[in-house]
C-alpha atoms as a PDB file:
ATOM      1  CA  MET A   1      49.122 -42.718 -42.487  1.00  0.00           C
ATOM      2  CA  LEU A   2      52.055 -45.185 -43.192  1.00  0.00           C
ATOM      3  CA  ASN A   3      50.554 -46.345 -46.908  1.00  0.00           C
ATOM      4  CA  ASP A   4      50.484 -42.201 -47.392  1.00  0.00           C
ATOM      5  CA  GLY A   5      53.979 -41.590 -47.379  1.00  0.00           C
ATOM      6  CA  PHE A   6      54.474 -40.679 -43.341  1.00  0.00           C
ATOM      7  CA  THR A   7      56.500 -41.849 -41.202  1.00  0.00           C
ATOM      8  CA  MET A   8      55.853 -42.777 -37.690  1.00  0.00           C
ATOM      9  CA  ILE A   9      58.544 -40.896 -34.857  1.00  0.00           C
ATOM     10  CA  GLN A  10      56.669 -41.541 -32.022  1.00  0.00           C
ATOM     11  CA  TYR A  11      53.738 -43.231 -31.127  1.00  0.00           C
ATOM     12  CA  SER A  12      50.573 -42.263 -33.080  1.00  0.00           C
ATOM     13  CA  ILE A  13      52.911 -38.809 -33.855  1.00  0.00           C
ATOM     14  CA  TYR A  14      53.549 -39.295 -38.305  1.00  0.00           C
ATOM     15  CA  VAL A  15      55.416 -36.716 -39.615  1.00  0.00           C
ATOM     16  CA  ARG A  16      55.536 -36.320 -43.423  1.00  0.00           C
ATOM     17  CA  ILE A  17      57.760 -34.438 -45.939  1.00  0.00           C
ATOM     18  CA  CYS A  18      55.723 -31.986 -48.573  1.00  0.00           C
ATOM     19  CA  LYS A  19      58.392 -30.202 -51.080  1.00  0.00           C
ATOM     20  CA  SER A  20      55.860 -27.015 -51.327  1.00  0.00           C
ATOM     21  CA  ASN A  21      52.777 -24.977 -49.227  1.00  0.00           C
ATOM     22  CA  TYR A  22      50.310 -26.970 -52.446  1.00  0.00           C
ATOM     23  CA  SER A  23      51.893 -30.705 -51.652  1.00  0.00           C
ATOM     24  CA  ALA A  24      50.678 -30.118 -47.766  1.00  0.00           C
ATOM     25  CA  LYS A  25      47.454 -28.733 -48.727  1.00  0.00           C
ATOM     26  CA  ALA A  26      46.785 -31.568 -50.818  1.00  0.00           C
ATOM     27  CA  HIS A  27      47.562 -34.173 -47.714  1.00  0.00           C
ATOM     28  CA  ILE A  28      45.441 -32.006 -45.675  1.00  0.00           C
ATOM     29  CA  LYS A  29      42.864 -32.715 -48.016  1.00  0.00           C
ATOM     30  CA  TYR A  30      43.476 -36.686 -48.272  1.00  0.00           C
ATOM     31  CA  ILE A  31      43.401 -36.693 -44.475  1.00  0.00           C
ATOM     32  CA  LYS A  32      39.974 -35.088 -43.743  1.00  0.00           C
ATOM     33  CA  LYS A  33      38.873 -37.781 -46.326  1.00  0.00           C
ATOM     34  CA  ILE A  34      39.845 -40.695 -44.000  1.00  0.00           C
ATOM     35  CA  ILE A  35      39.454 -39.518 -40.805  1.00  0.00           C
ATOM     36  CA  PRO A  36      36.877 -41.686 -38.207  1.00  0.00           C
ATOM     37  CA  LEU A  37      34.466 -41.143 -36.778  1.00  0.00           C
ATOM     38  CA  LYS A  38      35.206 -39.395 -33.418  1.00  0.00           C
ATOM     39  CA  GLY A  39      38.915 -39.319 -34.779  1.00  0.00           C
ATOM     40  CA  GLU A  40      41.240 -36.172 -34.142  1.00  0.00           C
ATOM     41  CA  VAL A  41      44.337 -35.190 -36.251  1.00  0.00           C
ATOM     42  CA  ARG A  42      46.438 -32.026 -35.654  1.00  0.00           C
ATOM     43  CA  ILE A  43      48.951 -30.588 -38.534  1.00  0.00           C
ATOM     44  CA  LEU A  44      52.195 -29.043 -37.411  1.00  0.00           C
ATOM     45  CA  LYS A  45      53.396 -27.246 -40.440  1.00  0.00           C
ATOM     46  CA  LEU A  46      56.860 -26.435 -40.383  1.00  0.00           C
ATOM     47  CA  THR A  47      59.651 -25.226 -42.247  1.00  0.00           C
ATOM     48  CA  ASP A  48      62.836 -27.445 -42.627  1.00  0.00           C
ATOM     49  CA  LYS A  49      64.802 -24.872 -40.978  1.00  0.00           C
ATOM     50  CA  VAL A  50      62.583 -24.945 -36.926  1.00  0.00           C
ATOM     51  CA  TYR A  51      62.524 -28.580 -37.771  1.00  0.00           C
ATOM     52  CA  ASN A  52      65.598 -28.949 -38.296  1.00  0.00           C
ATOM     53  CA  SER A  53      66.397 -26.994 -35.247  1.00  0.00           C
ATOM     54  CA  MET A  54      64.683 -29.591 -32.832  1.00  0.00           C
ATOM     55  CA  GLU A  55      66.335 -31.151 -30.225  1.00  0.00           C
ATOM     56  CA  ILE A  56      66.289 -34.803 -29.144  1.00  0.00           C
ATOM     57  CA  LEU A  57      66.881 -35.498 -25.421  1.00  0.00           C
ATOM     58  CA  ARG A  58      67.063 -39.373 -24.577  1.00  0.00           C
ATOM     59  CA  SER A  59      69.195 -40.850 -21.084  1.00  0.00           C
ATOM     60  CA  PHE A  60      70.328 -43.455 -23.248  1.00  0.00           C
ATOM     61  CA  GLU A  61      72.220 -43.767 -27.157  1.00  0.00           C
ATOM     62  CA  LYS A  62      69.894 -44.939 -29.970  1.00  0.00           C
ATOM     63  CA  THR A  63      71.506 -46.634 -32.788  1.00  0.00           C
ATOM     64  CA  ASN A  64      70.336 -46.539 -35.958  1.00  0.00           C
ATOM     65  CA  GLU A  65      67.707 -44.256 -36.063  1.00  0.00           C
ATOM     66  CA  GLU A  66      66.560 -42.520 -39.861  1.00  0.00           C
ATOM     67  CA  ARG A  67      66.885 -39.605 -40.538  1.00  0.00           C
ATOM     68  CA  LEU A  68      64.360 -37.627 -42.759  1.00  0.00           C
ATOM     69  CA  ARG A  69      65.472 -35.691 -45.478  1.00  0.00           C
ATOM     70  CA  VAL A  70      63.871 -32.900 -44.804  1.00  0.00           C
ATOM     71  CA  GLN A  71      62.548 -30.179 -47.991  1.00  0.00           C
ATOM     72  CA  THR A  72      60.384 -26.913 -47.186  1.00  0.00           C
ATOM     73  CA  VAL A  73      57.124 -28.494 -45.074  1.00  0.00           C
ATOM     74  CA  ILE A  74      56.347 -31.180 -42.155  1.00  0.00           C
ATOM     75  CA  GLU A  75      52.860 -32.013 -41.638  1.00  0.00           C
ATOM     76  CA  PHE A  76      52.258 -33.598 -37.904  1.00  0.00           C
END
């Protein structure tokens, strides 16, 4: 998935920004083709407004975190 433009934001959790629902559907179609036997993928599509309202809570200060530029649709 990393080779298809996904970013791992947590172990086994990947995110990809898509500019449109059409683009999101194309990536979902691709993932369906490459999913391993007995594999499981869950996809959650979010608008940029919902994604940007996410709160990150941690007990330590993290430095050099890459902020994703959100367009319209996020795939998980």
